[in-house]
């Protein structure tokens, strides 16, 4: 998938802001409580994302309903997604938030998936990035390449082989690093806690969680950033993450590491899943049978949030410098995130079987 095509299809570009007047027939949710279910623990990036948007949504939604974020972790988010698949519209107060860890099992045909994105209505999407980091002792061996890290065994807390954690896992494999995976943690926040306690020696967090929880550790000398996954330029190239311009990308580290290639099957597969997992990583959905007046109310509210004069500043501080898509643009962003070439899927399916013993055929 070409990212320029995705942006052109969505009709948006990085930093795009558009205000939307509240449709005359939009629903009014006065006196109601919106339950926004997140299929992860309360310690990860998705929690930070939803908790950032929840009060803003309440402020701009017709009737100013109370917006409460609820957590339903389990099976790397498929538990919550399978639950949402069974939900129907009642009074407009049911919303769901997914992440790349929900998209990847769907794309890979994970047998635990009982949900269908085509049945849901996306009302908002936003991109993010990710940062991998080391403990200070091991970071002394990192010189911008992984050459000196190859003789070391690292421990990593992994949510699940078919989740978003396949991005760091495949990257570390491509770098020739020996990383042992402790499987089955409930969310990336739990992986961070393992790192903080010394149970894990390498970790990665999405941008919002990194900014809030890891950046302070870096300032205290308790963690050292290794690389970001990067960002996509309009021509499809991997470039430095705008939120972390001083940290090298995985592509840069790969190019500096003996045996790691930024072309070929492994690179093409990694990049394809990165595109599927990060430029439109987090999405807010309503049940598929939600009436238009309710959809209009949510769309207008998120558009008003996006149009706030202070939105760029406050979102950059909490979530990072990434695009936000609303309404039809959110649908276009989702469509782009759900496109994986047969070759990329086949490579990752084979790698998952060889690396983790996971059979998806």
Protein backbone atom coordinates (compact mmCIF):
# COMPACT_ATOMS: atom_id res chain seq x y z
CA UNK A 1 0.00 0.00 0.00
CA UNK A 2 1.35 3.44 -0.93
CA UNK A 3 0.86 5.97 1.84
CA UNK A 4 0.46 8.85 -0.62
CA UNK A 5 -2.45 6.99 -2.17
CA UNK A 6 -3.98 6.48 1.26
CA UNK A 7 -3.78 10.16 2.12
CA UNK A 8 -5.13 11.19 -1.26
CA UNK A 9 -8.01 8.75 -0.87
CA UNK A 10 -8.74 10.06 2.60
CA UNK A 11 -8.60 13.62 1.30
CA UNK A 12 -6.37 14.69 4.15
CA UNK A 13 -2.73 15.36 4.91
CA UNK A 14 -0.63 15.53 8.04
CA UNK A 15 -1.79 18.42 10.16
CA UNK A 16 -5.13 18.81 8.34
CA UNK A 17 -7.83 20.42 10.47
CA UNK A 18 -11.45 20.88 9.44
CA UNK A 19 -14.38 22.13 11.45
CA UNK A 20 -17.80 20.60 10.99
CA UNK A 21 -21.03 22.26 11.99
CA UNK A 22 -23.36 20.06 13.99
CA UNK A 23 -25.97 18.63 11.59
CA UNK A 24 -29.47 19.84 12.38
CA UNK A 25 -30.70 16.29 12.90
CA UNK A 26 -27.76 15.09 15.02
CA UNK A 27 -28.70 13.20 18.17
CA UNK A 28 -28.56 14.88 21.57
CA UNK A 29 -27.11 12.67 24.33
CA UNK A 30 -28.01 14.90 27.26
CA UNK A 31 -27.95 13.10 30.60
CA UNK A 32 -26.41 9.92 29.16
CA UNK A 33 -23.14 8.13 29.84
CA UNK A 34 -21.09 6.94 26.89
CA UNK A 35 -19.08 3.80 27.64
CA UNK A 36 -15.93 3.70 25.53
CA UNK A 37 -14.55 0.16 25.75
CA UNK A 38 -10.81 -0.37 25.22
CA UNK A 39 -9.72 -4.02 24.80
CA UNK A 40 -6.44 -3.56 26.69
CA UNK A 41 -5.31 -2.83 30.23
CA UNK A 42 -5.45 0.66 31.69
CA UNK A 43 -1.65 1.07 31.56
CA UNK A 44 -0.91 1.15 27.83
CA UNK A 45 -0.99 3.53 24.90
CA UNK A 46 -4.61 2.86 24.00
CA UNK A 47 -5.62 3.87 27.52
CA UNK A 48 -3.66 7.12 27.19
CA UNK A 49 -5.30 7.77 23.81
CA UNK A 50 -8.87 7.17 25.00
CA UNK A 51 -8.37 9.05 28.26
CA UNK A 52 -7.08 12.02 26.26
CA UNK A 53 -10.06 12.14 23.91
CA UNK A 54 -12.84 11.20 26.38
CA UNK A 55 -13.21 14.59 28.14
CA UNK A 56 -12.83 16.44 24.84
CA UNK A 57 -15.57 14.31 23.28
CA UNK A 58 -17.83 15.00 26.26
CA UNK A 59 -17.20 18.74 25.94
CA UNK A 60 -18.03 18.88 22.23
CA UNK A 61 -20.77 16.22 21.96
CA UNK A 62 -24.36 17.45 21.72
CA UNK A 63 -25.79 17.24 25.23
CA UNK A 64 -22.35 16.89 26.84
CA UNK A 65 -22.74 13.25 27.91
CA UNK A 66 -20.35 11.80 30.45
CA UNK A 67 -17.75 9.72 28.55
CA UNK A 68 -16.30 6.87 30.61
CA UNK A 69 -13.39 4.73 29.42
CA UNK A 70 -13.76 1.05 30.33
CA UNK A 71 -11.13 -1.66 29.91
CA UNK A 72 -11.66 -5.22 28.71
CA UNK A 73 -8.20 -6.80 28.28
CA UNK A 74 -7.69 -10.37 27.14
CA UNK A 75 -6.33 -12.44 24.26
CA UNK A 76 -4.36 -9.49 22.93
CA UNK A 77 -7.58 -7.46 22.41
CA UNK A 78 -9.58 -10.11 20.53
CA UNK A 79 -11.71 -10.70 23.64
CA UNK A 80 -12.95 -7.13 23.61
CA UNK A 81 -13.31 -6.98 19.83
CA UNK A 82 -15.32 -10.21 19.80
CA UNK A 83 -17.54 -8.69 22.50
CA UNK A 84 -18.09 -5.52 20.48
CA UNK A 85 -19.03 -7.53 17.40
CA UNK A 86 -22.13 -8.70 19.30
CA UNK A 87 -23.21 -5.21 20.37
CA UNK A 88 -26.12 -3.39 18.75
CA UNK A 89 -27.28 0.20 18.93
CA UNK A 90 -29.45 0.95 21.94
CA UNK A 91 -29.19 4.63 22.80
CA UNK A 92 -25.93 5.79 21.22
CA UNK A 93 -23.80 5.24 24.30
CA UNK A 94 -21.69 2.27 23.12
CA UNK A 95 -18.31 3.00 21.55
CA UNK A 96 -15.24 0.82 21.02
CA UNK A 97 -11.56 1.63 20.52
CA UNK A 98 -9.25 -0.66 18.59
CA UNK A 99 -5.53 -0.64 17.94
CA UNK A 100 -3.03 -2.25 15.60
CA UNK A 101 -3.03 -5.21 17.98
CA UNK A 102 -6.67 -5.69 17.00
CA UNK A 103 -6.04 -5.16 13.28
CA UNK A 104 -3.16 -7.63 12.96
CA UNK A 105 -5.04 -10.75 14.13
CA UNK A 106 -7.81 -9.81 11.69
CA UNK A 107 -5.35 -9.40 8.82
CA UNK A 108 -3.52 -12.63 9.62
CA UNK A 109 -6.61 -14.79 10.00
CA UNK A 110 -6.06 -15.55 13.68
CA UNK A 111 -8.61 -18.28 14.57
CA UNK A 112 -9.65 -16.39 17.70
CA UNK A 113 -11.02 -13.53 15.62
CA UNK A 114 -14.82 -13.41 15.61
CA UNK A 115 -15.13 -9.79 14.54
CA UNK A 116 -15.53 -8.08 11.20
CA UNK A 117 -14.37 -4.50 10.70
CA UNK A 118 -16.79 -4.08 7.80
CA UNK A 119 -19.67 -4.38 10.29
CA UNK A 120 -18.49 -1.40 12.37
CA UNK A 121 -18.74 2.37 11.80
CA UNK A 122 -15.47 4.27 12.34
CA UNK A 123 -15.97 7.84 13.53
CA UNK A 124 -12.38 8.77 14.35
CA UNK A 125 -8.88 7.44 13.66
CA UNK A 126 -5.44 8.64 14.64
CA UNK A 127 -1.90 7.60 13.89
CA UNK A 128 0.94 6.99 16.30
CA UNK A 129 4.55 5.91 16.46
CA UNK A 130 6.63 3.62 18.60
CA UNK A 131 9.99 3.71 20.40
CA UNK A 132 12.18 0.76 21.37
CA UNK A 133 14.50 1.27 24.32
CA UNK A 134 17.20 -0.49 26.32
CA UNK A 135 18.41 -0.54 29.89
CA UNK A 136 21.43 1.71 30.53
CA UNK A 137 23.92 -1.17 30.84
CA UNK A 138 23.05 -2.77 27.49
CA UNK A 139 22.72 0.65 25.86
CA UNK A 140 26.47 1.12 26.34
CA UNK A 141 26.94 -1.45 23.55
CA UNK A 142 24.59 0.33 21.15
CA UNK A 143 26.40 2.57 18.69
CA UNK A 144 23.59 3.20 16.21
CA UNK A 145 23.83 -0.36 14.97
CA UNK A 146 22.94 -3.68 16.57
CA UNK A 147 26.33 -5.21 15.79
CA UNK A 148 27.50 -5.19 19.40
CA UNK A 149 24.13 -6.39 20.73
CA UNK A 150 24.08 -9.71 18.87
CA UNK A 151 25.91 -11.67 21.56
CA UNK A 152 23.49 -10.57 24.27
CA UNK A 153 20.20 -12.25 25.26
CA UNK A 154 17.36 -9.82 25.86
CA UNK A 155 14.02 -10.42 27.60
CA UNK A 156 10.82 -8.84 26.24
CA UNK A 157 7.22 -8.90 27.52
CA UNK A 158 5.05 -9.79 24.51
CA UNK A 159 1.25 -9.39 24.21
CA UNK A 160 0.98 -12.13 21.58
CA UNK A 161 2.66 -13.28 18.40
CA UNK A 162 -0.03 -12.00 16.03
CA UNK A 163 -0.46 -8.66 17.81
CA UNK A 164 1.26 -5.35 17.19
CA UNK A 165 4.30 -6.80 18.97
CA UNK A 166 5.22 -8.56 15.75
CA UNK A 167 6.64 -5.18 14.59
CA UNK A 168 9.44 -5.10 17.22
CA UNK A 169 9.84 -8.89 17.20
CA UNK A 170 10.44 -9.00 13.45
CA UNK A 171 12.68 -5.93 13.62
CA UNK A 172 14.89 -7.47 16.28
CA UNK A 173 15.09 -10.71 14.28
CA UNK A 174 16.13 -8.78 11.19
CA UNK A 175 18.85 -7.10 13.27
CA UNK A 176 20.14 -10.51 14.33
CA UNK A 177 19.37 -9.92 18.01
CA UNK A 178 18.58 -12.73 20.43
CA UNK A 179 15.35 -11.73 22.17
CA UNK A 180 13.46 -14.13 24.40
CA UNK A 181 9.73 -13.38 24.50
CA UNK A 182 7.64 -13.72 27.64
CA UNK A 183 4.26 -14.24 26.06
CA UNK A 184 0.76 -13.30 27.12
CA UNK A 185 1.03 -9.94 28.89
CA UNK A 186 -2.24 -7.98 28.84
CA UNK A 187 -0.90 -4.76 27.36
CA UNK A 188 2.23 -2.81 26.58
CA UNK A 189 1.94 -1.09 29.95
CA UNK A 190 2.56 -4.47 31.56
CA UNK A 191 5.64 -4.88 29.36
CA UNK A 192 6.89 -1.52 30.59
CA UNK A 193 6.36 -2.58 34.19
CA UNK A 194 8.45 -5.70 33.51
CA UNK A 195 11.20 -3.44 32.20
CA UNK A 196 10.98 -1.15 35.22
CA UNK A 197 11.28 -4.10 37.61
CA UNK A 198 14.20 -5.63 35.71
CA UNK A 199 12.23 -8.66 34.51
CA UNK A 200 12.59 -7.41 30.92
CA UNK A 201 15.71 -5.85 29.42
CA UNK A 202 14.26 -4.45 26.20
CA UNK A 203 10.88 -2.87 25.52
CA UNK A 204 8.88 -0.71 23.16
CA UNK A 205 5.93 1.61 23.73
CA UNK A 206 3.64 3.51 21.42
CA UNK A 207 4.21 7.25 21.46
CA UNK A 208 1.60 8.30 24.01
CA UNK A 209 2.81 5.81 26.59
CA UNK A 210 6.44 6.58 25.83
CA UNK A 211 5.89 10.31 26.32
CA UNK A 212 4.11 9.85 29.65
CA UNK A 213 5.91 6.88 31.17
CA UNK A 214 9.25 6.25 29.49
CA UNK A 215 10.55 9.74 28.74
CA UNK A 216 10.83 10.40 32.51
CA UNK A 217 12.85 7.19 32.88
CA UNK A 218 15.14 8.38 30.09
CA UNK A 219 15.64 11.69 31.89
CA UNK A 220 16.48 9.79 35.08
CA UNK A 221 19.01 7.59 33.26
CA UNK A 222 16.95 4.43 33.75
CA UNK A 223 16.23 3.80 30.05
CA UNK A 224 17.92 4.69 26.76
CA UNK A 225 16.04 4.99 23.45
CA UNK A 226 17.29 2.66 20.73
CA UNK A 227 15.12 3.47 17.71
CA UNK A 228 11.67 4.45 16.53
CA UNK A 229 9.71 2.60 13.86
CA UNK A 230 9.75 5.86 11.93
CA UNK A 231 7.07 7.67 9.99
CA UNK A 232 5.90 7.53 6.40
CA UNK A 233 6.72 10.36 4.03
CA UNK A 234 4.27 11.21 1.27
CA UNK A 235 6.41 9.24 -1.20
CA UNK A 236 6.21 6.11 0.95
CA UNK A 237 9.73 6.33 2.41
CA UNK A 238 10.44 5.66 6.08
CA UNK A 239 11.61 8.90 7.69
CA UNK A 240 12.22 10.04 11.24
CA UNK A 241 9.20 10.19 13.54
CA UNK A 242 8.16 13.86 13.88
CA UNK A 243 7.57 13.35 17.60
CA UNK A 244 11.08 11.95 18.12
CA UNK A 245 13.26 13.56 15.44
CA UNK A 246 16.48 12.95 17.38
CA UNK A 247 16.03 9.18 17.62
CA UNK A 248 17.12 7.03 14.64
CA UNK A 249 14.58 4.88 12.85
CA UNK A 250 14.66 1.10 12.58
CA UNK A 251 15.57 1.60 8.92
CA UNK A 252 18.66 3.61 9.92
CA UNK A 253 19.71 1.04 12.52
CA UNK A 254 19.13 -1.78 10.04
CA UNK A 255 21.25 -0.06 7.40
CA UNK A 256 24.07 0.27 9.95
CA UNK A 257 23.85 -3.37 11.09
CA UNK A 258 25.68 -6.18 9.34
CA UNK A 259 23.28 -8.67 7.75
CA UNK A 260 20.16 -6.48 8.03
CA UNK A 261 18.64 -5.48 4.70
CA UNK A 262 16.19 -2.69 3.89
CA UNK A 263 15.02 -4.47 0.75
CA UNK A 264 13.72 -7.94 0.05
CA UNK A 265 10.98 -10.11 1.53
CA UNK A 266 11.61 -9.45 5.23
CA UNK A 267 11.81 -5.67 4.82
CA UNK A 268 8.78 -5.53 2.52
CA UNK A 269 6.76 -7.57 5.03
CA UNK A 270 7.88 -5.48 8.01
CA UNK A 271 7.08 -2.24 6.22
CA UNK A 272 3.67 -3.49 5.06
CA UNK A 273 2.63 -4.39 8.60
CA UNK A 274 4.08 -1.16 9.95
CA UNK A 275 1.84 0.75 7.52
CA UNK A 276 -1.13 -1.36 8.58
CA UNK A 277 -0.39 -0.86 12.25
CA UNK A 278 0.75 2.71 12.84
CA UNK A 279 -0.41 5.51 10.44
CA UNK A 280 -4.03 4.74 11.41
CA UNK A 281 -3.41 2.66 14.49
CA UNK A 282 -6.16 3.70 16.87
CA UNK A 283 -9.81 3.95 15.84
CA UNK A 284 -13.10 4.73 17.55
CA UNK A 285 -16.11 2.73 16.36
CA UNK A 286 -19.88 2.63 16.81
CA UNK A 287 -21.96 -0.52 16.27
CA UNK A 288 -22.84 -1.12 12.64
CA UNK A 289 -26.59 -0.50 13.10
CA UNK A 290 -26.12 2.91 14.74
CA UNK A 291 -28.58 5.45 13.23
CA UNK A 292 -27.25 8.30 11.14
CA UNK A 293 -28.24 10.99 13.63
CA UNK A 294 -26.07 9.37 16.29
CA UNK A 295 -23.18 8.86 13.88
CA UNK A 296 -23.51 12.52 12.88
CA UNK A 297 -23.31 13.61 16.52
CA UNK A 298 -20.07 11.70 17.11
CA UNK A 299 -18.55 12.80 13.79
CA UNK A 300 -19.35 16.45 14.46
CA UNK A 301 -18.00 16.24 18.00
CA UNK A 302 -14.68 14.71 16.92
CA UNK A 303 -14.42 17.26 14.10
CA UNK A 304 -14.94 20.05 16.62
CA UNK A 305 -12.23 18.55 18.82
CA UNK A 306 -9.90 18.50 15.83
CA UNK A 307 -10.72 22.12 15.00
CA UNK A 308 -9.89 23.47 18.47
CA UNK A 309 -7.25 26.17 18.36
CA UNK A 310 -5.25 24.36 21.05
CA UNK A 311 -5.67 20.84 19.67
CA UNK A 312 -2.31 20.59 17.88
CA UNK A 313 -0.48 21.68 21.04
CA UNK A 314 -2.28 19.49 23.55
CA UNK A 315 -2.37 16.40 21.33
CA UNK A 316 1.34 16.70 20.50
CA UNK A 317 2.14 16.80 24.21
CA UNK A 318 -0.01 13.80 25.13
CA UNK A 319 -0.11 11.67 21.98
CA UNK A 320 2.65 12.95 19.70
CA UNK A 321 2.60 14.73 16.34
CA UNK A 322 0.36 12.48 14.26
CA UNK A 323 -2.69 12.91 12.01
CA UNK A 324 -6.30 12.57 13.12
CA UNK A 325 -9.08 11.48 10.76
CA UNK A 326 -12.83 12.00 11.24
CA UNK A 327 -15.94 10.51 9.63
CA UNK A 328 -15.41 9.51 6.00
CA UNK A 329 -11.71 10.20 6.38
CA UNK A 330 -11.60 7.74 9.28
CA UNK A 331 -13.26 5.13 7.06
CA UNK A 332 -10.67 5.75 4.34
CA UNK A 333 -7.84 5.48 6.88
CA UNK A 334 -9.28 2.18 8.14
CA UNK A 335 -9.55 0.87 4.59
CA UNK A 336 -5.88 1.64 4.06
CA UNK A 337 -4.87 -0.04 7.30
CA UNK A 338 -6.64 -3.25 6.30
CA UNK A 339 -4.70 -3.72 3.07
CA UNK A 340 -1.86 -6.24 3.19
CA UNK A 341 -0.35 -7.84 0.10
CA UNK A 342 -0.54 -11.64 -0.18
CA UNK A 343 3.28 -11.79 -0.24
CA UNK A 344 3.64 -9.79 2.98
CA UNK A 345 1.01 -11.90 4.72
CA UNK A 346 2.60 -15.14 3.52
CA UNK A 347 6.02 -14.07 4.76
CA UNK A 348 4.74 -13.09 8.21
CA UNK A 349 2.62 -16.24 8.53
CA UNK A 350 5.72 -18.35 7.78
CA UNK A 351 7.86 -16.30 10.16
CA UNK A 352 5.29 -16.62 12.96
CA UNK A 353 5.32 -20.39 12.57
CA UNK A 354 9.11 -20.60 12.56
CA UNK A 355 9.64 -18.08 15.37
CA UNK A 356 6.75 -18.76 17.73
CA UNK A 357 5.25 -22.04 16.54
CA UNK A 358 2.01 -20.25 15.63
CA UNK A 359 0.16 -21.92 12.75
CA UNK A 360 -2.43 -19.80 10.95
CA UNK A 361 -2.95 -22.01 7.89
